[in-house]
């Protein structure tokens, strides 16, 4: 019975680790795509600071594979703050990168 619990715990730990890596990686990738000026226009920390925060969070997650480690949890919170607060703010001021979509006063044109 203990082997079953150990394997389930290992699978859950692996899923949490991969999920955290995915969230941090996506946040870092998105932070790279946004224009430098959009951060200041949105009143957020600079692009370089966000890249540093998210890059360190991703690196710690790669080195320390325990998803419940304190540093990994802080990194997940930082990535969540970026995705929930910073990303919508910089997208609203037009920091979406170069997708070729032009925004007018009533939407894309």
C-alpha atoms as a PDB file:
ATOM      1  CA  UNK A   1       0.000   0.000   0.000  1.00  0.00           C
ATOM      2  CA  UNK A   2       2.883   2.369   0.697  1.00  0.00           C
ATOM      3  CA  UNK A   3       4.241   1.964  -2.836  1.00  0.00           C
ATOM      4  CA  UNK A   4       0.935   3.161  -4.296  1.00  0.00           C
ATOM      5  CA  UNK A   5       0.911   6.242  -2.042  1.00  0.00           C
ATOM      6  CA  UNK A   6       4.541   6.968  -2.903  1.00  0.00           C
ATOM      7  CA  UNK A   7       3.909   6.761  -6.630  1.00  0.00           C
ATOM      8  CA  UNK A   8       0.785   8.934  -6.405  1.00  0.00           C
ATOM      9  CA  UNK A   9       2.732  11.487  -4.383  1.00  0.00           C
ATOM     10  CA  UNK A  10       5.505  11.425  -6.980  1.00  0.00           C
ATOM     11  CA  UNK A  11       3.039  11.953  -9.835  1.00  0.00           C
ATOM     12  CA  UNK A  12       1.372  14.860  -8.022  1.00  0.00           C
ATOM     13  CA  UNK A  13       4.770  16.394  -7.279  1.00  0.00           C
ATOM     14  CA  UNK A  14       5.809  16.041 -10.926  1.00  0.00           C
ATOM     15  CA  UNK A  15       2.534  17.594 -12.109  1.00  0.00           C
ATOM     16  CA  UNK A  16       2.951  20.553  -9.742  1.00  0.00           C
ATOM     17  CA  UNK A  17       6.564  21.038 -10.840  1.00  0.00           C
ATOM     18  CA  UNK A  18       5.667  20.955 -14.536  1.00  0.00           C
ATOM     19  CA  UNK A  19       2.710  23.290 -13.951  1.00  0.00           C
ATOM     20  CA  UNK A  20       4.904  25.780 -12.104  1.00  0.00           C
ATOM     21  CA  UNK A  21       7.526  25.600 -14.850  1.00  0.00           C
ATOM     22  CA  UNK A  22       4.844  26.222 -17.463  1.00  0.00           C
ATOM     23  CA  UNK A  23       3.357  29.227 -15.690  1.00  0.00           C
ATOM     24  CA  UNK A  24       6.764  30.798 -15.031  1.00  0.00           C
ATOM     25  CA  UNK A  25       7.985  30.072 -18.551  1.00  0.00           C
ATOM     26  CA  UNK A  26       4.881  31.568 -20.139  1.00  0.00           C
ATOM     27  CA  UNK A  27       5.094  34.676 -17.947  1.00  0.00           C
ATOM     28  CA  UNK A  28       8.780  35.138 -18.828  1.00  0.00           C
ATOM     29  CA  UNK A  29       8.096  34.651 -22.550  1.00  0.00           C
ATOM     30  CA  UNK A  30       5.254  37.167 -22.443  1.00  0.00           C
ATOM     31  CA  UNK A  31       7.382  39.683 -20.534  1.00  0.00           C
ATOM     32  CA  UNK A  32      10.010  39.454 -23.313  1.00  0.00           C
ATOM     33  CA  UNK A  33       7.416  40.214 -25.993  1.00  0.00           C
ATOM     34  CA  UNK A  34       6.008  43.376 -24.408  1.00  0.00           C
ATOM     35  CA  UNK A  35       7.565  46.698 -25.361  1.00  0.00           C
ATOM     36  CA  UNK A  36       9.720  48.488 -22.788  1.00  0.00           C
ATOM     37  CA  UNK A  37       7.594  51.656 -22.864  1.00  0.00           C
ATOM     38  CA  UNK A  38       4.363  49.820 -22.078  1.00  0.00           C
ATOM     39  CA  UNK A  39       5.494  49.035 -18.532  1.00  0.00           C
ATOM     40  CA  UNK A  40       6.092  52.670 -17.628  1.00  0.00           C
ATOM     41  CA  UNK A  41       2.908  53.797 -19.397  1.00  0.00           C
ATOM     42  CA  UNK A  42       0.933  51.265 -17.355  1.00  0.00           C
ATOM     43  CA  UNK A  43       2.596  52.417 -14.122  1.00  0.00           C
ATOM     44  CA  UNK A  44       4.271  49.060 -13.449  1.00  0.00           C
ATOM     45  CA  UNK A  45       7.828  48.012 -12.666  1.00  0.00           C
ATOM     46  CA  UNK A  46      10.223  48.208 -15.605  1.00  0.00           C
ATOM     47  CA  UNK A  47      10.615  45.436 -18.132  1.00  0.00           C
ATOM     48  CA  UNK A  48      14.123  44.607 -16.912  1.00  0.00           C
ATOM     49  CA  UNK A  49      12.928  44.157 -13.322  1.00  0.00           C
ATOM     50  CA  UNK A  50      10.114  41.833 -14.405  1.00  0.00           C
ATOM     51  CA  UNK A  51      12.502  39.852 -16.600  1.00  0.00           C
ATOM     52  CA  UNK A  52      14.869  39.517 -13.640  1.00  0.00           C
ATOM     53  CA  UNK A  53      12.113  38.437 -11.226  1.00  0.00           C
ATOM     54  CA  UNK A  54      10.605  35.909 -13.627  1.00  0.00           C
ATOM     55  CA  UNK A  55      13.983  34.635 -14.853  1.00  0.00           C
ATOM     56  CA  UNK A  56      15.210  33.989 -11.309  1.00  0.00           C
ATOM     57  CA  UNK A  57      11.897  32.313 -10.451  1.00  0.00           C
ATOM     58  CA  UNK A  58      12.219  30.001 -13.464  1.00  0.00           C
ATOM     59  CA  UNK A  59      15.886  29.239 -12.724  1.00  0.00           C
ATOM     60  CA  UNK A  60      15.108  28.392  -9.093  1.00  0.00           C
ATOM     61  CA  UNK A  61      12.338  26.065 -10.244  1.00  0.00           C
ATOM     62  CA  UNK A  62      14.737  24.284 -12.599  1.00  0.00           C
ATOM     63  CA  UNK A  63      17.397  23.873  -9.880  1.00  0.00           C
ATOM     64  CA  UNK A  64      15.060  23.092  -6.970  1.00  0.00           C
ATOM     65  CA  UNK A  65      12.547  20.575  -8.264  1.00  0.00           C
ATOM     66  CA  UNK A  66      10.460  20.478  -5.083  1.00  0.00           C
ATOM     67  CA  UNK A  67       7.250  22.342  -6.017  1.00  0.00           C
ATOM     68  CA  UNK A  68       6.433  23.080  -2.370  1.00  0.00           C
ATOM     69  CA  UNK A  69       9.780  24.741  -1.680  1.00  0.00           C
ATOM     70  CA  UNK A  70       9.360  28.261  -0.292  1.00  0.00           C
ATOM     71  CA  UNK A  71      11.331  29.882  -3.135  1.00  0.00           C
ATOM     72  CA  UNK A  72       9.297  28.023  -5.753  1.00  0.00           C
ATOM     73  CA  UNK A  73       6.060  29.153  -4.143  1.00  0.00           C
ATOM     74  CA  UNK A  74       7.269  32.775  -4.164  1.00  0.00           C
ATOM     75  CA  UNK A  75       8.131  32.360  -7.860  1.00  0.00           C
ATOM     76  CA  UNK A  76       4.655  31.053  -8.662  1.00  0.00           C
ATOM     77  CA  UNK A  77       3.138  34.038  -6.841  1.00  0.00           C
ATOM     78  CA  UNK A  78       5.389  36.432  -8.805  1.00  0.00           C
ATOM     79  CA  UNK A  79       4.382  34.823 -12.120  1.00  0.00           C
ATOM     80  CA  UNK A  80       0.717  34.964 -11.106  1.00  0.00           C
ATOM     81  CA  UNK A  81       1.020  38.666 -10.224  1.00  0.00           C
ATOM     82  CA  UNK A  82       2.579  39.310 -13.624  1.00  0.00           C
ATOM     83  CA  UNK A  83      -0.106  37.378 -15.500  1.00  0.00           C
ATOM     84  CA  UNK A  84      -3.083  38.736 -13.559  1.00  0.00           C
ATOM     85  CA  UNK A  85      -2.033  42.346 -12.935  1.00  0.00           C
ATOM     86  CA  UNK A  86       0.851  43.471 -15.129  1.00  0.00           C
ATOM     87  CA  UNK A  87       0.028  41.657 -18.373  1.00  0.00           C
ATOM     88  CA  UNK A  88      -3.499  43.109 -18.761  1.00  0.00           C
ATOM     89  CA  UNK A  89      -2.249  46.594 -17.865  1.00  0.00           C
ATOM     90  CA  UNK A  90       0.535  46.608 -20.446  1.00  0.00           C
ATOM     91  CA  UNK A  91      -1.729  45.088 -23.093  1.00  0.00           C
ATOM     92  CA  UNK A  92      -4.259  47.850 -22.468  1.00  0.00           C
ATOM     93  CA  UNK A  93      -1.708  50.581 -23.172  1.00  0.00           C
ATOM     94  CA  UNK A  94      -0.630  48.867 -26.374  1.00  0.00           C
ATOM     95  CA  UNK A  95       2.361  46.838 -25.301  1.00  0.00           C
ATOM     96  CA  UNK A  96       1.303  43.660 -27.055  1.00  0.00           C
ATOM     97  CA  UNK A  97       4.383  43.315 -29.216  1.00  0.00           C
ATOM     98  CA  UNK A  98       4.369  43.299 -33.003  1.00  0.00           C
ATOM     99  CA  UNK A  99       1.516  41.093 -34.141  1.00  0.00           C
ATOM    100  CA  UNK A 100       0.483  43.286 -37.044  1.00  0.00           C
ATOM    101  CA  UNK A 101      -2.865  44.121 -35.453  1.00  0.00           C
ATOM    102  CA  UNK A 102      -3.732  47.812 -35.462  1.00  0.00           C
ATOM    103  CA  UNK A 103      -6.043  49.041 -32.762  1.00  0.00           C
ATOM    104  CA  UNK A 104      -8.411  51.886 -33.412  1.00  0.00           C
ATOM    105  CA  UNK A 105     -10.792  53.587 -31.004  1.00  0.00           C
ATOM    106  CA  UNK A 106     -13.419  50.866 -31.571  1.00  0.00           C
ATOM    107  CA  UNK A 107     -11.177  47.814 -31.885  1.00  0.00           C
ATOM    108  CA  UNK A 108      -8.807  46.306 -34.433  1.00  0.00           C
ATOM    109  CA  UNK A 109      -8.720  47.516 -38.025  1.00  0.00           C
END
